[in-house]
Each structure stands twice: as structure tokens, then as C-alpha cells.
Amino acid sequence: MSDCIFCKIAGGDIPTELLYESEDVVAFNDLDPQAPVHVLIIPRRHISSLLEIGETDAILAELQSAAIEIARQRGLGETGFRLVTNCLEDGGQAVFHLHLHLLGGRRMGWPPG
């Protein structure tokens, strides 16, 4: 999608330090971090939200696998972390390209907001 900022990052059109990269997934630091560790993990292909994922699509497993690898690299495997996916406006989704927020480095409260 030509006007999607995450598609531009995944395609290399917007230079970004990638913390993780595979054929289908990339990850980078959030520009407005809400925790000491705040990484965005996205599929390379444009998927607007969770609602667009089919039963046989393995992208969620790939995104979660990347999140676990990054969490371990950042030392969050000992203390814990939060993995969040917002869906549509009322769910807090601001960029309409599927993405996971990996949050850690501090104690997370509940309810989240």
C-alpha cells in the first residue's frame, strides 16, 4: 500500500534501524516509546488489522516468534514483557498495518487502559 508508513519501513523506503528481519517480518523501535523497551513488530506484507487474517495464515506465529526472540535478546525473558495488538479505532489502532507492540523493562499495570 503506497501511503502506509509501515509498508514504507518494511520496503526500505524509510530508513529505520531494524532490530529483527526475516523474509516476512521486521521489527524496529517505536518512535514514541511507552516503556523502556518498546518494539514494533510488523509483517512485510500489508495487512490492515487482525480481522484480515485467515485461518491458515501463519503470520501471527511468525510475529510472536520474532517478539520472543527480541524479548530474550533484550533480557526480558527473566522479568517479563507485554505483547499488545490493537485492532481498529476503538481498540486503539493508530496505524492500519498489523503490528505487535513488545513492551518491557518496567512493571506493567492492569488494567492497561
PDB file of N, CA and C in Angstrom:
ATOM      1  N   MET A   1       0.854  -1.169   0.000  1.00  0.00           N
ATOM      2  CA  MET A   1       0.000   0.000   0.000  1.00  0.00           C
ATOM      3  C   MET A   1       0.900   1.233   0.000  1.00  0.00           C
ATOM      4  N   SER A   2       0.726   2.107  -0.964  1.00  0.00           N
ATOM      5  CA  SER A   2       1.681   3.179  -1.219  1.00  0.00           C
ATOM      6  C   SER A   2       1.757   4.247  -0.133  1.00  0.00           C
ATOM      7  N   ASP A   3       0.683   4.497   0.614  1.00  0.00           N
ATOM      8  CA  ASP A   3       0.726   5.551   1.611  1.00  0.00           C
ATOM      9  C   ASP A   3       0.900   5.031   3.039  1.00  0.00           C
ATOM     10  N   CYS A   4       1.141   3.752   3.203  1.00  0.00           N
ATOM     11  CA  CYS A   4       1.288   3.148   4.528  1.00  0.00           C
ATOM     12  C   CYS A   4       2.734   3.299   5.019  1.00  0.00           C
ATOM     13  N   ILE A   5       2.888   3.971   6.159  1.00  0.00           N
ATOM     14  CA  ILE A   5       4.236   4.207   6.693  1.00  0.00           C
ATOM     15  C   ILE A   5       4.945   2.898   7.032  1.00  0.00           C
ATOM     16  N   PHE A   6       4.213   1.913   7.550  1.00  0.00           N
ATOM     17  CA  PHE A   6       4.859   0.643   7.895  1.00  0.00           C
ATOM     18  C   PHE A   6       5.262  -0.135   6.643  1.00  0.00           C
ATOM     19  N   CYS A   7       4.492  -0.027   5.567  1.00  0.00           N
ATOM     20  CA  CYS A   7       4.898  -0.650   4.299  1.00  0.00           C
ATOM     21  C   CYS A   7       6.186  -0.009   3.785  1.00  0.00           C
ATOM     22  N   LYS A   8       6.293   1.306   3.949  1.00  0.00           N
ATOM     23  CA  LYS A   8       7.496   2.014   3.510  1.00  0.00           C
ATOM     24  C   LYS A   8       8.706   1.613   4.353  1.00  0.00           C
ATOM     25  N   ILE A   9       8.512   1.419   5.649  1.00  0.00           N
ATOM     26  CA  ILE A   9       9.606   0.962   6.506  1.00  0.00           C
ATOM     27  C   ILE A   9      10.005  -0.454   6.120  1.00  0.00           C
ATOM     28  N   ALA A  10       9.022  -1.340   5.974  1.00  0.00           N
ATOM     29  CA  ALA A  10       9.302  -2.743   5.627  1.00  0.00           C
ATOM     30  C   ALA A  10       9.971  -2.859   4.264  1.00  0.00           C
ATOM     31  N   GLY A  11       9.622  -1.957   3.341  1.00  0.00           N
ATOM     32  CA  GLY A  11      10.195  -1.979   1.997  1.00  0.00           C
ATOM     33  C   GLY A  11      11.522  -1.258   1.877  1.00  0.00           C
ATOM     34  N   GLY A  12      11.979  -0.608   2.950  1.00  0.00           N
ATOM     35  CA  GLY A  12      13.251   0.094   2.928  1.00  0.00           C
ATOM     36  C   GLY A  12      13.171   1.502   2.374  1.00  0.00           C
ATOM     37  N   ASP A  13      11.959   1.998   2.098  1.00  0.00           N
ATOM     38  CA  ASP A  13      11.805   3.354   1.567  1.00  0.00           C
ATOM     39  C   ASP A  13      12.012   4.416   2.644  1.00  0.00           C
ATOM     40  N   ILE A  14      11.774   4.053   3.901  1.00  0.00           N
ATOM     41  CA  ILE A  14      12.053   4.937   5.032  1.00  0.00           C
ATOM     42  C   ILE A  14      13.160   4.271   5.844  1.00  0.00           C
ATOM     43  N   PRO A  15      14.338   4.868   5.873  1.00  0.00           N
ATOM     44  CA  PRO A  15      15.445   4.261   6.606  1.00  0.00           C
ATOM     45  C   PRO A  15      15.122   4.132   8.097  1.00  0.00           C
ATOM     46  N   THR A  16      15.251   2.930   8.601  1.00  0.00           N
ATOM     47  CA  THR A  16      14.963   2.620  10.000  1.00  0.00           C
ATOM     48  C   THR A  16      15.921   1.540  10.451  1.00  0.00           C
ATOM     49  N   GLU A  17      16.424   1.660  11.654  1.00  0.00           N
ATOM     50  CA  GLU A  17      17.264   0.600  12.203  1.00  0.00           C
ATOM     51  C   GLU A  17      16.379  -0.594  12.521  1.00  0.00           C
ATOM     52  N   LEU A  18      16.583  -1.687  11.814  1.00  0.00           N
ATOM     53  CA  LEU A  18      15.804  -2.894  12.043  1.00  0.00           C
ATOM     54  C   LEU A  18      16.464  -3.725  13.136  1.00  0.00           C
ATOM     55  N   LEU A  19      15.675  -4.096  14.129  1.00  0.00           N
ATOM     56  CA  LEU A  19      16.156  -4.920  15.235  1.00  0.00           C
ATOM     57  C   LEU A  19      16.018  -6.397  14.923  1.00  0.00           C
ATOM     58  N   TYR A  20      15.145  -6.685  13.969  1.00  0.00           N
ATOM     59  CA  TYR A  20      14.880  -8.065  13.558  1.00  0.00           C
ATOM     60  C   TYR A  20      14.426  -7.995  12.108  1.00  0.00           C
ATOM     61  N   GLU A  21      14.850  -8.995  11.336  1.00  0.00           N
ATOM     62  CA  GLU A  21      14.473  -9.026   9.932  1.00  0.00           C
ATOM     63  C   GLU A  21      14.442 -10.457   9.449  1.00  0.00           C
ATOM     64  N   SER A  22      13.332 -10.835   8.820  1.00  0.00           N
ATOM     65  CA  SER A  22      13.220 -12.137   8.159  1.00  0.00           C
ATOM     66  C   SER A  22      12.533 -11.889   6.818  1.00  0.00           C
ATOM     67  N   GLU A  23      12.258 -12.937   6.111  1.00  0.00           N
ATOM     68  CA  GLU A  23      11.591 -12.801   4.815  1.00  0.00           C
ATOM     69  C   GLU A  23      10.211 -12.152   4.961  1.00  0.00           C
ATOM     70  N   ASP A  24       9.521 -12.425   6.082  1.00  0.00           N
ATOM     71  CA  ASP A  24       8.141 -11.978   6.238  1.00  0.00           C
ATOM     72  C   ASP A  24       7.900 -10.936   7.323  1.00  0.00           C
ATOM     73  N   VAL A  25       8.891 -10.697   8.190  1.00  0.00           N
ATOM     74  CA  VAL A  25       8.690  -9.871   9.375  1.00  0.00           C
ATOM     75  C   VAL A  25       9.873  -8.941   9.584  1.00  0.00           C
ATOM     76  N   VAL A  26       9.590  -7.711  10.051  1.00  0.00           N
ATOM     77  CA  VAL A  26      10.639  -6.797  10.501  1.00  0.00           C
ATOM     78  C   VAL A  26      10.217  -6.188  11.834  1.00  0.00           C
ATOM     79  N   ALA A  27      11.199  -5.720  12.599  1.00  0.00           N
ATOM     80  CA  ALA A  27      10.932  -5.081  13.895  1.00  0.00           C
ATOM     81  C   ALA A  27      11.856  -3.892  14.067  1.00  0.00           C
ATOM     82  N   PHE A  28      11.342  -2.876  14.758  1.00  0.00           N
ATOM     83  CA  PHE A  28      12.089  -1.648  14.985  1.00  0.00           C
ATOM     84  C   PHE A  28      11.561  -0.974  16.239  1.00  0.00           C
ATOM     85  N   ASN A  29      12.351  -0.059  16.795  1.00  0.00           N
ATOM     86  CA  ASN A  29      11.936   0.669  17.990  1.00  0.00           C
ATOM     87  C   ASN A  29      10.791   1.625  17.666  1.00  0.00           C
ATOM     88  N   ASP A  30       9.850   1.737  18.607  1.00  0.00           N
ATOM     89  CA  ASP A  30       8.752   2.687  18.479  1.00  0.00           C
ATOM     90  C   ASP A  30       9.305   4.100  18.660  1.00  0.00           C
ATOM     91  N   LEU A  31       8.844   5.040  17.859  1.00  0.00           N
ATOM     92  CA  LEU A  31       9.304   6.429  17.955  1.00  0.00           C
ATOM     93  C   LEU A  31       8.740   7.146  19.180  1.00  0.00           C
ATOM     94  N   ASP A  32       7.658   6.629  19.758  1.00  0.00           N
ATOM     95  CA  ASP A  32       7.038   7.215  20.946  1.00  0.00           C
ATOM     96  C   ASP A  32       6.927   6.119  22.013  1.00  0.00           C
ATOM     97  N   PRO A  33       8.066   5.711  22.588  1.00  0.00           N
ATOM     98  CA  PRO A  33       8.065   4.560  23.490  1.00  0.00           C
ATOM     99  C   PRO A  33       7.229   4.783  24.744  1.00  0.00           C
ATOM    100  N   GLN A  34       6.494   3.737  25.116  1.00  0.00           N
ATOM    101  CA  GLN A  34       5.658   3.752  26.310  1.00  0.00           C
ATOM    102  C   GLN A  34       6.265   2.926  27.435  1.00  0.00           C
ATOM    103  N   ALA A  35       7.453   2.405  27.215  1.00  0.00           N
ATOM    104  CA  ALA A  35       8.193   1.611  28.201  1.00  0.00           C
ATOM    105  C   ALA A  35       9.666   1.681  27.810  1.00  0.00           C
ATOM    106  N   PRO A  36      10.573   1.312  28.730  1.00  0.00           N
ATOM    107  CA  PRO A  36      11.996   1.319  28.373  1.00  0.00           C
ATOM    108  C   PRO A  36      12.315   0.501  27.118  1.00  0.00           C
ATOM    109  N   VAL A  37      11.605  -0.598  26.936  1.00  0.00           N
ATOM    110  CA  VAL A  37      11.688  -1.371  25.691  1.00  0.00           C
ATOM    111  C   VAL A  37      10.318  -1.276  25.030  1.00  0.00           C
ATOM    112  N   HIS A  38      10.277  -0.750  23.815  1.00  0.00           N
ATOM    113  CA  HIS A  38       9.021  -0.659  23.060  1.00  0.00           C
ATOM    114  C   HIS A  38       9.360  -0.868  21.596  1.00  0.00           C
ATOM    115  N   VAL A  39       9.135  -2.090  21.149  1.00  0.00           N
ATOM    116  CA  VAL A  39       9.484  -2.507  19.796  1.00  0.00           C
ATOM    117  C   VAL A  39       8.202  -2.798  19.023  1.00  0.00           C
ATOM    118  N   LEU A  40       8.155  -2.361  17.773  1.00  0.00           N
ATOM    119  CA  LEU A  40       7.049  -2.690  16.883  1.00  0.00           C
ATOM    120  C   LEU A  40       7.486  -3.819  15.968  1.00  0.00           C
ATOM    121  N   ILE A  41       6.635  -4.819  15.837  1.00  0.00           N
ATOM    122  CA  ILE A  41       6.921  -5.996  15.021  1.00  0.00           C
ATOM    123  C   ILE A  41       5.822  -6.079  13.972  1.00  0.00           C
ATOM    124  N   ILE A  42       6.210  -6.050  12.699  1.00  0.00           N
ATOM    125  CA  ILE A  42       5.220  -5.959  11.625  1.00  0.00           C
ATOM    126  C   ILE A  42       5.475  -6.997  10.538  1.00  0.00           C
ATOM    127  N   PRO A  43       4.412  -7.410   9.850  1.00  0.00           N
ATOM    128  CA  PRO A  43       4.617  -8.227   8.653  1.00  0.00           C
ATOM    129  C   PRO A  43       5.078  -7.334   7.503  1.00  0.00           C
ATOM    130  N   ARG A  44       5.868  -7.879   6.620  1.00  0.00           N
ATOM    131  CA  ARG A  44       6.305  -7.094   5.456  1.00  0.00           C
ATOM    132  C   ARG A  44       5.126  -6.784   4.536  1.00  0.00           C
ATOM    133  N   ARG A  45       4.233  -7.732   4.389  1.00  0.00           N
ATOM    134  CA  ARG A  45       3.086  -7.501   3.509  1.00  0.00           C
ATOM    135  C   ARG A  45       2.014  -6.715   4.257  1.00  0.00           C
ATOM    136  N   HIS A  46       1.265  -5.938   3.524  1.00  0.00           N
ATOM    137  CA  HIS A  46       0.243  -5.101   4.147  1.00  0.00           C
ATOM    138  C   HIS A  46      -0.961  -5.943   4.564  1.00  0.00           C
ATOM    139  N   ILE A  47      -1.226  -5.901   5.862  1.00  0.00           N
ATOM    140  CA  ILE A  47      -2.428  -6.480   6.453  1.00  0.00           C
ATOM    141  C   ILE A  47      -2.961  -5.366   7.348  1.00  0.00           C
ATOM    142  N   SER A  48      -4.159  -4.892   7.103  1.00  0.00           N
ATOM    143  CA  SER A  48      -4.666  -3.724   7.829  1.00  0.00           C
ATOM    144  C   SER A  48      -4.880  -3.978   9.311  1.00  0.00           C
ATOM    145  N   SER A  49      -5.422  -5.141   9.669  1.00  0.00           N
ATOM    146  CA  SER A  49      -5.697  -5.430  11.077  1.00  0.00           C
ATOM    147  C   SER A  49      -5.798  -6.941  11.280  1.00  0.00           C
ATOM    148  N   LEU A  50      -5.958  -7.333  12.535  1.00  0.00           N
ATOM    149  CA  LEU A  50      -6.151  -8.749  12.865  1.00  0.00           C
ATOM    150  C   LEU A  50      -7.342  -9.345  12.120  1.00  0.00           C
ATOM    151  N   LEU A  51      -8.331  -8.529  11.838  1.00  0.00           N
ATOM    152  CA  LEU A  51      -9.552  -9.016  11.199  1.00  0.00           C
ATOM    153  C   LEU A  51      -9.323  -9.503   9.772  1.00  0.00           C
ATOM    154  N   GLU A  52      -8.179  -9.184   9.186  1.00  0.00           N
ATOM    155  CA  GLU A  52      -7.888  -9.603   7.818  1.00  0.00           C
ATOM    156  C   GLU A  52      -7.113 -10.920   7.736  1.00  0.00           C
ATOM    157  N   ILE A  53      -6.802 -11.504   8.872  1.00  0.00           N
ATOM    158  CA  ILE A  53      -6.004 -12.725   8.866  1.00  0.00           C
ATOM    159  C   ILE A  53      -6.914 -13.933   8.732  1.00  0.00           C
ATOM    160  N   GLY A  54      -6.583 -14.812   7.792  1.00  0.00           N
ATOM    161  CA  GLY A  54      -7.348 -16.028   7.589  1.00  0.00           C
ATOM    162  C   GLY A  54      -6.876 -17.150   8.503  1.00  0.00           C
ATOM    163  N   GLU A  55      -7.683 -18.194   8.584  1.00  0.00           N
ATOM    164  CA  GLU A  55      -7.391 -19.331   9.468  1.00  0.00           C
ATOM    165  C   GLU A  55      -6.061 -20.009   9.167  1.00  0.00           C
ATOM    166  N   THR A  56      -5.662 -20.023   7.920  1.00  0.00           N
ATOM    167  CA  THR A  56      -4.444 -20.747   7.543  1.00  0.00           C
ATOM    168  C   THR A  56      -3.218 -19.838   7.442  1.00  0.00           C
ATOM    169  N   ASP A  57      -3.380 -18.572   7.727  1.00  0.00           N
ATOM    170  CA  ASP A  57      -2.262 -17.637   7.650  1.00  0.00           C
ATOM    171  C   ASP A  57      -1.362 -17.816   8.872  1.00  0.00           C
ATOM    172  N   ALA A  58      -0.091 -18.038   8.641  1.00  0.00           N
ATOM    173  CA  ALA A  58       0.860 -18.295   9.733  1.00  0.00           C
ATOM    174  C   ALA A  58       1.559 -17.033  10.224  1.00  0.00           C
ATOM    175  N   ILE A  59       1.119 -15.857   9.784  1.00  0.00           N
ATOM    176  CA  ILE A  59       1.858 -14.638  10.108  1.00  0.00           C
ATOM    177  C   ILE A  59       1.861 -14.335  11.603  1.00  0.00           C
ATOM    178  N   LEU A  60       0.780 -14.626  12.311  1.00  0.00           N
ATOM    179  CA  LEU A  60       0.776 -14.349  13.754  1.00  0.00           C
ATOM    180  C   LEU A  60       1.831 -15.163  14.478  1.00  0.00           C
ATOM    181  N   ALA A  61       2.000 -16.412  14.092  1.00  0.00           N
ATOM    182  CA  ALA A  61       3.042 -17.244  14.705  1.00  0.00           C
ATOM    183  C   ALA A  61       4.418 -16.663  14.414  1.00  0.00           C
ATOM    184  N   GLU A  62       4.623 -16.169  13.205  1.00  0.00           N
ATOM    185  CA  GLU A  62       5.910 -15.567  12.849  1.00  0.00           C
ATOM    186  C   GLU A  62       6.148 -14.280  13.635  1.00  0.00           C
ATOM    187  N   LEU A  63       5.113 -13.465  13.797  1.00  0.00           N
ATOM    188  CA  LEU A  63       5.254 -12.232  14.571  1.00  0.00           C
ATOM    189  C   LEU A  63       5.562 -12.547  16.035  1.00  0.00           C
ATOM    190  N   GLN A  64       4.869 -13.527  16.604  1.00  0.00           N
ATOM    191  CA  GLN A  64       5.108 -13.899  18.001  1.00  0.00           C
ATOM    192  C   GLN A  64       6.494 -14.506  18.188  1.00  0.00           C
ATOM    193  N   SER A  65       6.929 -15.298  17.252  1.00  0.00           N
ATOM    194  CA  SER A  65       8.263 -15.885  17.323  1.00  0.00           C
ATOM    195  C   SER A  65       9.331 -14.787  17.312  1.00  0.00           C
ATOM    196  N   ALA A  66       9.145 -13.789  16.461  1.00  0.00           N
ATOM    197  CA  ALA A  66      10.077 -12.658  16.420  1.00  0.00           C
ATOM    198  C   ALA A  66      10.049 -11.909  17.747  1.00  0.00           C
ATOM    199  N   ALA A  67       8.855 -11.707  18.312  1.00  0.00           N
ATOM    200  CA  ALA A  67       8.732 -10.999  19.592  1.00  0.00           C
ATOM    201  C   ALA A  67       9.476 -11.731  20.696  1.00  0.00           C
ATOM    202  N   ILE A  68       9.352 -13.037  20.746  1.00  0.00           N
ATOM    203  CA  ILE A  68      10.038 -13.824  21.776  1.00  0.00           C
ATOM    204  C   ILE A  68      11.549 -13.720  21.608  1.00  0.00           C
ATOM    205  N   GLU A  69      12.022 -13.802  20.380  1.00  0.00           N
ATOM    206  CA  GLU A  69      13.467 -13.684  20.132  1.00  0.00           C
ATOM    207  C   GLU A  69      13.979 -12.314  20.574  1.00  0.00           C
ATOM    208  N   ILE A  70      13.266 -11.255  20.232  1.00  0.00           N
ATOM    209  CA  ILE A  70      13.682  -9.905  20.612  1.00  0.00           C
ATOM    210  C   ILE A  70      13.626  -9.738  22.130  1.00  0.00           C
ATOM    211  N   ALA A  71      12.567 -10.239  22.752  1.00  0.00           N
ATOM    212  CA  ALA A  71      12.435 -10.141  24.215  1.00  0.00           C
ATOM    213  C   ALA A  71      13.615 -10.817  24.908  1.00  0.00           C
ATOM    214  N   ARG A  72      14.005 -11.972  24.425  1.00  0.00           N
ATOM    215  CA  ARG A  72      15.155 -12.665  25.022  1.00  0.00           C
ATOM    216  C   ARG A  72      16.440 -11.882  24.800  1.00  0.00           C
ATOM    217  N   GLN A  73      16.621 -11.337  23.596  1.00  0.00           N
ATOM    218  CA  GLN A  73      17.811 -10.536  23.309  1.00  0.00           C
ATOM    219  C   GLN A  73      17.890  -9.305  24.204  1.00  0.00           C
ATOM    220  N   ARG A  74      16.750  -8.735  24.552  1.00  0.00           N
ATOM    221  CA  ARG A  74      16.692  -7.537  25.385  1.00  0.00           C
ATOM    222  C   ARG A  74      16.674  -7.857  26.872  1.00  0.00           C
ATOM    223  N   GLY A  75      16.804  -9.135  27.238  1.00  0.00           N
ATOM    224  CA  GLY A  75      16.853  -9.520  28.644  1.00  0.00           C
ATOM    225  C   GLY A  75      15.510  -9.552  29.334  1.00  0.00           C
ATOM    226  N   LEU A  76      14.430  -9.595  28.562  1.00  0.00           N
ATOM    227  CA  LEU A  76      13.095  -9.595  29.153  1.00  0.00           C
ATOM    228  C   LEU A  76      12.599 -10.997  29.481  1.00  0.00           C
ATOM    229  N   GLY A  77      13.357 -12.006  29.098  1.00  0.00           N
ATOM    230  CA  GLY A  77      12.967 -13.381  29.380  1.00  0.00           C
ATOM    231  C   GLY A  77      13.013 -13.719  30.859  1.00  0.00           C
ATOM    232  N   GLU A  78      13.726 -12.923  31.635  1.00  0.00           N
ATOM    233  CA  GLU A  78      13.835 -13.151  33.078  1.00  0.00           C
ATOM    234  C   GLU A  78      12.744 -12.423  33.854  1.00  0.00           C
ATOM    235  N   THR A  79      12.379 -11.218  33.412  1.00  0.00           N
ATOM    236  CA  THR A  79      11.466 -10.376  34.181  1.00  0.00           C
ATOM    237  C   THR A  79      10.067 -10.296  33.593  1.00  0.00           C
ATOM    238  N   GLY A  80       9.920 -10.531  32.310  1.00  0.00           N
ATOM    239  CA  GLY A  80       8.611 -10.500  31.665  1.00  0.00           C
ATOM    240  C   GLY A  80       8.436  -9.319  30.732  1.00  0.00           C
ATOM    241  N   PHE A  81       7.372  -9.393  29.963  1.00  0.00           N
ATOM    242  CA  PHE A  81       7.068  -8.360  28.981  1.00  0.00           C
ATOM    243  C   PHE A  81       5.592  -8.447  28.624  1.00  0.00           C
ATOM    244  N   ARG A  82       5.135  -7.467  27.877  1.00  0.00           N
ATOM    245  CA  ARG A  82       3.760  -7.458  27.388  1.00  0.00           C
ATOM    246  C   ARG A  82       3.801  -7.390  25.875  1.00  0.00           C
ATOM    247  N   LEU A  83       2.903  -8.149  25.249  1.00  0.00           N
ATOM    248  CA  LEU A  83       2.757  -8.147  23.801  1.00  0.00           C
ATOM    249  C   LEU A  83       1.321  -7.710  23.504  1.00  0.00           C
ATOM    250  N   VAL A  84       1.180  -6.601  22.764  1.00  0.00           N
ATOM    251  CA  VAL A  84      -0.130  -5.988  22.539  1.00  0.00           C
ATOM    252  C   VAL A  84      -0.388  -5.862  21.049  1.00  0.00           C
ATOM    253  N   THR A  85      -1.632  -6.148  20.651  1.00  0.00           N
ATOM    254  CA  THR A  85      -2.093  -5.883  19.296  1.00  0.00           C
ATOM    255  C   THR A  85      -3.387  -5.098  19.401  1.00  0.00           C
ATOM    256  N   ASN A  86      -3.397  -3.888  18.900  1.00  0.00           N
ATOM    257  CA  ASN A  86      -4.609  -3.078  18.882  1.00  0.00           C
ATOM    258  C   ASN A  86      -5.353  -3.346  17.585  1.00  0.00           C
ATOM    259  N   CYS A  87      -6.688  -3.344  17.647  1.00  0.00           N
ATOM    260  CA  CYS A  87      -7.480  -3.638  16.454  1.00  0.00           C
ATOM    261  C   CYS A  87      -8.581  -2.595  16.272  1.00  0.00           C
ATOM    262  N   LEU A  88      -8.468  -1.854  15.204  1.00  0.00           N
ATOM    263  CA  LEU A  88      -9.398  -0.800  14.795  1.00  0.00           C
ATOM    264  C   LEU A  88      -9.411   0.370  15.784  1.00  0.00           C
ATOM    265  N   GLU A  89     -10.220   1.367  15.482  1.00  0.00           N
ATOM    266  CA  GLU A  89     -10.187   2.637  16.228  1.00  0.00           C
ATOM    267  C   GLU A  89     -10.458   2.452  17.715  1.00  0.00           C
ATOM    268  N   ASP A  90     -11.561   1.785  18.055  1.00  0.00           N
ATOM    269  CA  ASP A  90     -11.910   1.632  19.464  1.00  0.00           C
ATOM    270  C   ASP A  90     -10.912   0.760  20.216  1.00  0.00           C
ATOM    271  N   GLY A  91     -10.169  -0.058  19.504  1.00  0.00           N
ATOM    272  CA  GLY A  91      -9.132  -0.875  20.120  1.00  0.00           C
ATOM    273  C   GLY A  91      -7.803  -0.141  20.253  1.00  0.00           C
ATOM    274  N   GLY A  92      -7.742   1.094  19.765  1.00  0.00           N
ATOM    275  CA  GLY A  92      -6.535   1.906  19.902  1.00  0.00           C
ATOM    276  C   GLY A  92      -5.567   1.805  18.735  1.00  0.00           C
ATOM    277  N   GLN A  93      -5.972   1.203  17.624  1.00  0.00           N
ATOM    278  CA  GLN A  93      -5.073   1.080  16.477  1.00  0.00           C
ATOM    279  C   GLN A  93      -4.937   2.439  15.792  1.00  0.00           C
ATOM    280  N   ALA A  94      -3.715   2.929  15.673  1.00  0.00           N
ATOM    281  CA  ALA A  94      -3.450   4.231  15.059  1.00  0.00           C
ATOM    282  C   ALA A  94      -2.877   4.092  13.650  1.00  0.00           C
ATOM    283  N   VAL A  95      -2.097   3.049  13.414  1.00  0.00           N
ATOM    284  CA  VAL A  95      -1.548   2.780  12.082  1.00  0.00           C
ATOM    285  C   VAL A  95      -2.218   1.506  11.588  1.00  0.00           C
ATOM    286  N   PHE A  96      -2.882   1.598  10.444  1.00  0.00           N
ATOM    287  CA  PHE A  96      -3.661   0.472   9.944  1.00  0.00           C
ATOM    288  C   PHE A  96      -2.823  -0.452   9.067  1.00  0.00           C
ATOM    289  N   HIS A  97      -1.825  -1.013   9.736  1.00  0.00           N
ATOM    290  CA  HIS A  97      -0.962  -2.073   9.231  1.00  0.00           C
ATOM    291  C   HIS A  97      -0.729  -2.936  10.472  1.00  0.00           C
ATOM    292  N   LEU A  98      -1.104  -4.187  10.414  1.00  0.00           N
ATOM    293  CA  LEU A  98      -0.984  -5.070  11.574  1.00  0.00           C
ATOM    294  C   LEU A  98       0.385  -4.929  12.219  1.00  0.00           C
ATOM    295  N   HIS A  99       0.410  -4.783  13.538  1.00  0.00           N
ATOM    296  CA  HIS A  99       1.681  -4.712  14.252  1.00  0.00           C
ATOM    297  C   HIS A  99       1.488  -5.121  15.701  1.00  0.00           C
ATOM    298  N   LEU A 100       2.540  -5.681  16.262  1.00  0.00           N
ATOM    299  CA  LEU A 100       2.585  -6.029  17.672  1.00  0.00           C
ATOM    300  C   LEU A 100       3.467  -5.022  18.381  1.00  0.00           C
ATOM    301  N   HIS A 101       3.072  -4.656  19.590  1.00  0.00           N
ATOM    302  CA  HIS A 101       3.893  -3.825  20.466  1.00  0.00           C
ATOM    303  C   HIS A 101       4.528  -4.751  21.494  1.00  0.00           C
ATOM    304  N   LEU A 102       5.837  -4.810  21.524  1.00  0.00           N
ATOM    305  CA  LEU A 102       6.571  -5.529  22.563  1.00  0.00           C
ATOM    306  C   LEU A 102       7.000  -4.480  23.587  1.00  0.00           C
ATOM    307  N   LEU A 103       6.464  -4.593  24.801  1.00  0.00           N
ATOM    308  CA  LEU A 103       6.722  -3.625  25.866  1.00  0.00           C
ATOM    309  C   LEU A 103       7.379  -4.324  27.036  1.00  0.00           C
ATOM    310  N   GLY A 104       8.422  -3.712  27.588  1.00  0.00           N
ATOM    311  CA  GLY A 104       9.085  -4.305  28.743  1.00  0.00           C
ATOM    312  C   GLY A 104      10.076  -3.347  29.365  1.00  0.00           C
ATOM    313  N   GLY A 105      10.777  -3.862  30.359  1.00  0.00           N
ATOM    314  CA  GLY A 105      11.771  -3.048  31.048  1.00  0.00           C
ATOM    315  C   GLY A 105      11.207  -2.318  32.247  1.00  0.00           C
ATOM    316  N   ARG A 106       9.919  -2.529  32.532  1.00  0.00           N
ATOM    317  CA  ARG A 106       9.277  -1.976  33.721  1.00  0.00           C
ATOM    318  C   ARG A 106       8.075  -2.854  34.046  1.00  0.00           C
ATOM    319  N   ARG A 107       7.547  -2.697  35.256  1.00  0.00           N
ATOM    320  CA  ARG A 107       6.372  -3.444  35.662  1.00  0.00           C
ATOM    321  C   ARG A 107       5.159  -2.893  34.922  1.00  0.00           C
ATOM    322  N   MET A 108       4.350  -3.767  34.363  1.00  0.00           N
ATOM    323  CA  MET A 108       3.147  -3.380  33.640  1.00  0.00           C
ATOM    324  C   MET A 108       1.947  -3.419  34.585  1.00  0.00           C
ATOM    325  N   GLY A 109       1.110  -2.403  34.517  1.00  0.00           N
ATOM    326  CA  GLY A 109      -0.080  -2.356  35.347  1.00  0.00           C
ATOM    327  C   GLY A 109      -1.274  -3.017  34.664  1.00  0.00           C
ATOM    328  N   TRP A 110      -2.311  -3.275  35.437  1.00  0.00           N
ATOM    329  CA  TRP A 110      -3.556  -3.830  34.892  1.00  0.00           C
ATOM    330  C   TRP A 110      -4.723  -3.196  35.601  1.00  0.00           C
ATOM    331  N   PRO A 111      -5.747  -2.767  34.942  1.00  0.00           N
ATOM    332  CA  PRO A 111      -5.953  -2.909  33.505  1.00  0.00           C
ATOM    333  C   PRO A 111      -5.055  -1.941  32.734  1.00  0.00           C
ATOM    334  N   PRO A 112      -4.785  -2.277  31.468  1.00  0.00           N
ATOM    335  CA  PRO A 112      -3.820  -1.500  30.708  1.00  0.00           C
ATOM    336  C   PRO A 112      -4.312  -0.129  30.286  1.00  0.00           C
ATOM    337  N   GLY A 113      -5.585   0.139  30.272  1.00  0.00           N
ATOM    338  CA  GLY A 113      -6.034   1.462  29.876  1.00  0.00           C
ATOM    339  C   GLY A 113      -7.365   1.399  29.281  1.00  0.00           C
TER     340      GLY A 113
END
